Amino acid sequence: MNKDQVKGQVKEVVGTLKEATGKVLGDKSLEVKGLAEKTVGKVQTEVGNIKSDLKDKL
């Protein structure tokens, strides 16, 4: 597991928590920020996966 994969997964978890907190509190701004952070985390995780796949093939 490379650092992009780890950082991406951490961002996904933090984003999920923010999104859930925003829903519970009725704070749309926090909910949207959490969703955005979760999406960024997913993208970063996928970048890490691609890097890992390329490294394995080379």
PDB file of N, CA and C in Angstrom:
ATOM      1  N   MET A   1       0.845  -1.173   0.000  1.00  0.00           N
ATOM      2  CA  MET A   1       0.000   0.000   0.000  1.00  0.00           C
ATOM      3  C   MET A   1       0.893   1.240   0.000  1.00  0.00           C
ATOM      4  N   ASN A   2       0.646   2.134  -0.932  1.00  0.00           N
ATOM      5  CA  ASN A   2       1.465   3.341  -0.984  1.00  0.00           C
ATOM      6  C   ASN A   2       0.779   4.498  -0.261  1.00  0.00           C
ATOM      7  N   LYS A   3       1.505   5.615  -0.136  1.00  0.00           N
ATOM      8  CA  LYS A   3       0.981   6.710   0.680  1.00  0.00           C
ATOM      9  C   LYS A   3      -0.262   7.366   0.062  1.00  0.00           C
ATOM     10  N   ASP A   4      -0.398   7.355  -1.251  1.00  0.00           N
ATOM     11  CA  ASP A   4      -1.608   7.904  -1.858  1.00  0.00           C
ATOM     12  C   ASP A   4      -2.829   7.077  -1.482  1.00  0.00           C
ATOM     13  N   GLN A   5      -2.667   5.784  -1.437  1.00  0.00           N
ATOM     14  CA  GLN A   5      -3.780   4.910  -1.048  1.00  0.00           C
ATOM     15  C   GLN A   5      -4.182   5.170   0.408  1.00  0.00           C
ATOM     16  N   VAL A   6      -3.198   5.293   1.276  1.00  0.00           N
ATOM     17  CA  VAL A   6      -3.472   5.519   2.696  1.00  0.00           C
ATOM     18  C   VAL A   6      -4.119   6.883   2.910  1.00  0.00           C
ATOM     19  N   LYS A   7      -3.529   7.921   2.332  1.00  0.00           N
ATOM     20  CA  LYS A   7      -4.078   9.270   2.485  1.00  0.00           C
ATOM     21  C   LYS A   7      -5.489   9.355   1.908  1.00  0.00           C
ATOM     22  N   GLY A   8      -5.695   8.701   0.797  1.00  0.00           N
ATOM     23  CA  GLY A   8      -7.021   8.704   0.176  1.00  0.00           C
ATOM     24  C   GLY A   8      -8.058   8.044   1.061  1.00  0.00           C
ATOM     25  N   GLN A   9      -7.700   6.928   1.667  1.00  0.00           N
ATOM     26  CA  GLN A   9      -8.641   6.236   2.540  1.00  0.00           C
ATOM     27  C   GLN A   9      -8.947   7.057   3.792  1.00  0.00           C
ATOM     28  N   VAL A  10      -7.937   7.740   4.312  1.00  0.00           N
ATOM     29  CA  VAL A  10      -8.157   8.598   5.481  1.00  0.00           C
ATOM     30  C   VAL A  10      -9.120   9.735   5.117  1.00  0.00           C
ATOM     31  N   LYS A  11      -8.908  10.345   3.952  1.00  0.00           N
ATOM     32  CA  LYS A  11      -9.801  11.426   3.519  1.00  0.00           C
ATOM     33  C   LYS A  11     -11.230  10.919   3.321  1.00  0.00           C
ATOM     34  N   GLU A  12     -11.358   9.705   2.808  1.00  0.00           N
ATOM     35  CA  GLU A  12     -12.694   9.125   2.630  1.00  0.00           C
ATOM     36  C   GLU A  12     -13.401   8.984   3.974  1.00  0.00           C
ATOM     37  N   VAL A  13     -12.686   8.484   4.969  1.00  0.00           N
ATOM     38  CA  VAL A  13     -13.284   8.283   6.292  1.00  0.00           C
ATOM     39  C   VAL A  13     -13.660   9.623   6.915  1.00  0.00           C
ATOM     40  N   VAL A  14     -12.749  10.581   6.860  1.00  0.00           N
ATOM     41  CA  VAL A  14     -13.021  11.907   7.428  1.00  0.00           C
ATOM     42  C   VAL A  14     -14.202  12.551   6.699  1.00  0.00           C
ATOM     43  N   GLY A  15     -14.228  12.425   5.394  1.00  0.00           N
ATOM     44  CA  GLY A  15     -15.332  12.980   4.615  1.00  0.00           C
ATOM     45  C   GLY A  15     -16.655  12.333   4.961  1.00  0.00           C
ATOM     46  N   THR A  16     -16.648  11.030   5.147  1.00  0.00           N
ATOM     47  CA  THR A  16     -17.867  10.309   5.528  1.00  0.00           C
ATOM     48  C   THR A  16     -18.365  10.786   6.890  1.00  0.00           C
ATOM     49  N   LEU A  17     -17.436  10.977   7.830  1.00  0.00           N
ATOM     50  CA  LEU A  17     -17.812  11.458   9.160  1.00  0.00           C
ATOM     51  C   LEU A  17     -18.394  12.871   9.099  1.00  0.00           C
ATOM     52  N   LYS A  18     -17.758  13.745   8.314  1.00  0.00           N
ATOM     53  CA  LYS A  18     -18.264  15.108   8.171  1.00  0.00           C
ATOM     54  C   LYS A  18     -19.648  15.106   7.530  1.00  0.00           C
ATOM     55  N   GLU A  19     -19.805  14.284   6.506  1.00  0.00           N
ATOM     56  CA  GLU A  19     -21.090  14.207   5.816  1.00  0.00           C
ATOM     57  C   GLU A  19     -22.187  13.733   6.774  1.00  0.00           C
ATOM     58  N   ALA A  20     -21.901  12.705   7.546  1.00  0.00           N
ATOM     59  CA  ALA A  20     -22.882  12.171   8.497  1.00  0.00           C
ATOM     60  C   ALA A  20     -23.196  13.195   9.584  1.00  0.00           C
ATOM     61  N   THR A  21     -22.166  13.882  10.063  1.00  0.00           N
ATOM     62  CA  THR A  21     -22.372  14.913  11.086  1.00  0.00           C
ATOM     63  C   THR A  21     -23.237  16.041  10.537  1.00  0.00           C
ATOM     64  N   GLY A  22     -22.972  16.435   9.308  1.00  0.00           N
ATOM     65  CA  GLY A  22     -23.778  17.474   8.674  1.00  0.00           C
ATOM     66  C   GLY A  22     -25.232  17.063   8.545  1.00  0.00           C
ATOM     67  N   LYS A  23     -25.467  15.799   8.207  1.00  0.00           N
ATOM     68  CA  LYS A  23     -26.847  15.302   8.086  1.00  0.00           C
ATOM     69  C   LYS A  23     -27.548  15.328   9.442  1.00  0.00           C
ATOM     70  N   VAL A  24     -26.848  14.860  10.479  1.00  0.00           N
ATOM     71  CA  VAL A  24     -27.440  14.793  11.815  1.00  0.00           C
ATOM     72  C   VAL A  24     -27.755  16.196  12.340  1.00  0.00           C
ATOM     73  N   LEU A  25     -26.831  17.123  12.119  1.00  0.00           N
ATOM     74  CA  LEU A  25     -27.011  18.481  12.625  1.00  0.00           C
ATOM     75  C   LEU A  25     -27.858  19.358  11.710  1.00  0.00           C
ATOM     76  N   GLY A  26     -28.142  18.860  10.524  1.00  0.00           N
ATOM     77  CA  GLY A  26     -28.898  19.663   9.562  1.00  0.00           C
ATOM     78  C   GLY A  26     -28.061  20.770   8.947  1.00  0.00           C
ATOM     79  N   ASP A  27     -26.753  20.584   8.944  1.00  0.00           N
ATOM     80  CA  ASP A  27     -25.818  21.573   8.406  1.00  0.00           C
ATOM     81  C   ASP A  27     -25.434  21.163   6.981  1.00  0.00           C
ATOM     82  N   LYS A  28     -26.121  21.742   6.007  1.00  0.00           N
ATOM     83  CA  LYS A  28     -25.884  21.389   4.598  1.00  0.00           C
ATOM     84  C   LYS A  28     -24.450  21.694   4.173  1.00  0.00           C
ATOM     85  N   SER A  29     -23.886  22.775   4.677  1.00  0.00           N
ATOM     86  CA  SER A  29     -22.523  23.157   4.318  1.00  0.00           C
ATOM     87  C   SER A  29     -21.530  22.076   4.739  1.00  0.00           C
ATOM     88  N   LEU A  30     -21.654  21.598   5.967  1.00  0.00           N
ATOM     89  CA  LEU A  30     -20.758  20.551   6.460  1.00  0.00           C
ATOM     90  C   LEU A  30     -20.981  19.255   5.690  1.00  0.00           C
ATOM     91  N   GLU A  31     -22.230  18.975   5.371  1.00  0.00           N
ATOM     92  CA  GLU A  31     -22.561  17.767   4.613  1.00  0.00           C
ATOM     93  C   GLU A  31     -21.906  17.797   3.227  1.00  0.00           C
ATOM     94  N   VAL A  32     -21.981  18.931   2.568  1.00  0.00           N
ATOM     95  CA  VAL A  32     -21.392  19.077   1.231  1.00  0.00           C
ATOM     96  C   VAL A  32     -19.868  19.011   1.301  1.00  0.00           C
ATOM     97  N   LYS A  33     -19.284  19.652   2.314  1.00  0.00           N
ATOM     98  CA  LYS A  33     -17.827  19.587   2.481  1.00  0.00           C
ATOM     99  C   LYS A  33     -17.369  18.150   2.706  1.00  0.00           C
ATOM    100  N   GLY A  34     -18.137  17.410   3.493  1.00  0.00           N
ATOM    101  CA  GLY A  34     -17.804  16.010   3.745  1.00  0.00           C
ATOM    102  C   GLY A  34     -17.891  15.182   2.486  1.00  0.00           C
ATOM    103  N   LEU A  35     -18.932  15.411   1.710  1.00  0.00           N
ATOM    104  CA  LEU A  35     -19.098  14.682   0.454  1.00  0.00           C
ATOM    105  C   LEU A  35     -17.945  14.994  -0.507  1.00  0.00           C
ATOM    106  N   ALA A  36     -17.557  16.268  -0.553  1.00  0.00           N
ATOM    107  CA  ALA A  36     -16.443  16.658  -1.421  1.00  0.00           C
ATOM    108  C   ALA A  36     -15.142  16.002  -0.968  1.00  0.00           C
ATOM    109  N   GLU A  37     -14.901  16.018   0.337  1.00  0.00           N
ATOM    110  CA  GLU A  37     -13.667  15.417   0.854  1.00  0.00           C
ATOM    111  C   GLU A  37     -13.654  13.908   0.618  1.00  0.00           C
ATOM    112  N   LYS A  38     -14.812  13.276   0.759  1.00  0.00           N
ATOM    113  CA  LYS A  38     -14.915  11.846   0.503  1.00  0.00           C
ATOM    114  C   LYS A  38     -14.599  11.539  -0.961  1.00  0.00           C
ATOM    115  N   THR A  39     -15.090  12.371  -1.857  1.00  0.00           N
ATOM    116  CA  THR A  39     -14.839  12.188  -3.289  1.00  0.00           C
ATOM    117  C   THR A  39     -13.364  12.374  -3.612  1.00  0.00           C
ATOM    118  N   VAL A  40     -12.755  13.394  -3.022  1.00  0.00           N
ATOM    119  CA  VAL A  40     -11.321  13.624  -3.228  1.00  0.00           C
ATOM    120  C   VAL A  40     -10.527  12.420  -2.716  1.00  0.00           C
ATOM    121  N   GLY A  41     -10.937  11.874  -1.600  1.00  0.00           N
ATOM    122  CA  GLY A  41     -10.266  10.692  -1.047  1.00  0.00           C
ATOM    123  C   GLY A  41     -10.366   9.498  -1.968  1.00  0.00           C
ATOM    124  N   LYS A  42     -11.539   9.304  -2.567  1.00  0.00           N
ATOM    125  CA  LYS A  42     -11.712   8.185  -3.502  1.00  0.00           C
ATOM    126  C   LYS A  42     -10.799   8.348  -4.707  1.00  0.00           C
ATOM    127  N   VAL A  43     -10.716   9.572  -5.211  1.00  0.00           N
ATOM    128  CA  VAL A  43      -9.850   9.834  -6.370  1.00  0.00           C
ATOM    129  C   VAL A  43      -8.393   9.580  -6.000  1.00  0.00           C
ATOM    130  N   GLN A  44      -7.974  10.066  -4.835  1.00  0.00           N
ATOM    131  CA  GLN A  44      -6.585   9.874  -4.422  1.00  0.00           C
ATOM    132  C   GLN A  44      -6.281   8.392  -4.215  1.00  0.00           C
ATOM    133  N   THR A  45      -7.231   7.657  -3.671  1.00  0.00           N
ATOM    134  CA  THR A  45      -7.039   6.213  -3.510  1.00  0.00           C
ATOM    135  C   THR A  45      -6.863   5.539  -4.864  1.00  0.00           C
ATOM    136  N   GLU A  46      -7.670   5.921  -5.829  1.00  0.00           N
ATOM    137  CA  GLU A  46      -7.568   5.337  -7.171  1.00  0.00           C
ATOM    138  C   GLU A  46      -6.234   5.690  -7.826  1.00  0.00           C
ATOM    139  N   VAL A  47      -5.757   6.917  -7.616  1.00  0.00           N
ATOM    140  CA  VAL A  47      -4.439   7.305  -8.138  1.00  0.00           C
ATOM    141  C   VAL A  47      -3.375   6.397  -7.536  1.00  0.00           C
ATOM    142  N   GLY A  48      -3.482   6.152  -6.237  1.00  0.00           N
ATOM    143  CA  GLY A  48      -2.547   5.247  -5.569  1.00  0.00           C
ATOM    144  C   GLY A  48      -2.622   3.837  -6.127  1.00  0.00           C
ATOM    145  N   ASN A  49      -3.841   3.388  -6.420  1.00  0.00           N
ATOM    146  CA  ASN A  49      -4.015   2.054  -7.000  1.00  0.00           C
ATOM    147  C   ASN A  49      -3.354   1.964  -8.375  1.00  0.00           C
ATOM    148  N   ILE A  50      -3.529   2.998  -9.168  1.00  0.00           N
ATOM    149  CA  ILE A  50      -2.928   3.026 -10.513  1.00  0.00           C
ATOM    150  C   ILE A  50      -1.403   3.023 -10.405  1.00  0.00           C
ATOM    151  N   LYS A  51      -0.872   3.848  -9.497  1.00  0.00           N
ATOM    152  CA  LYS A  51       0.582   3.883  -9.304  1.00  0.00           C
ATOM    153  C   LYS A  51       1.101   2.505  -8.888  1.00  0.00           C
ATOM    154  N   SER A  52       0.378   1.864  -7.987  1.00  0.00           N
ATOM    155  CA  SER A  52       0.783   0.552  -7.513  1.00  0.00           C
ATOM    156  C   SER A  52       0.754  -0.480  -8.642  1.00  0.00           C
ATOM    157  N   ASP A  53      -0.300  -0.436  -9.446  1.00  0.00           N
ATOM    158  CA  ASP A  53      -0.407  -1.360 -10.588  1.00  0.00           C
ATOM    159  C   ASP A  53       0.722  -1.142 -11.578  1.00  0.00           C
ATOM    160  N   LEU A  54       1.024   0.124 -11.869  1.00  0.00           N
ATOM    161  CA  LEU A  54       2.099   0.422 -12.815  1.00  0.00           C
ATOM    162  C   LEU A  54       3.452  -0.033 -12.267  1.00  0.00           C
ATOM    163  N   LYS A  55       3.672   0.179 -10.984  1.00  0.00           N
ATOM    164  CA  LYS A  55       4.924  -0.227 -10.372  1.00  0.00           C
ATOM    165  C   LYS A  55       5.078  -1.753 -10.443  1.00  0.00           C
ATOM    166  N   ASP A  56       3.976  -2.465 -10.204  1.00  0.00           N
ATOM    167  CA  ASP A  56       4.027  -3.922 -10.254  1.00  0.00           C
ATOM    168  C   ASP A  56       4.320  -4.430 -11.662  1.00  0.00           C
ATOM    169  N   LYS A  57       3.827  -3.721 -12.672  1.00  0.00           N
ATOM    170  CA  LYS A  57       4.006  -4.173 -14.063  1.00  0.00           C
ATOM    171  C   LYS A  57       5.360  -3.805 -14.629  1.00  0.00           C
ATOM    172  N   LEU A  58       6.008  -2.811 -14.029  1.00  0.00           N
ATOM    173  CA  LEU A  58       7.322  -2.403 -14.537  1.00  0.00           C
ATOM    174  C   LEU A  58       8.375  -3.107 -13.809  1.00  0.00           C
TER     175      LEU A  58
END
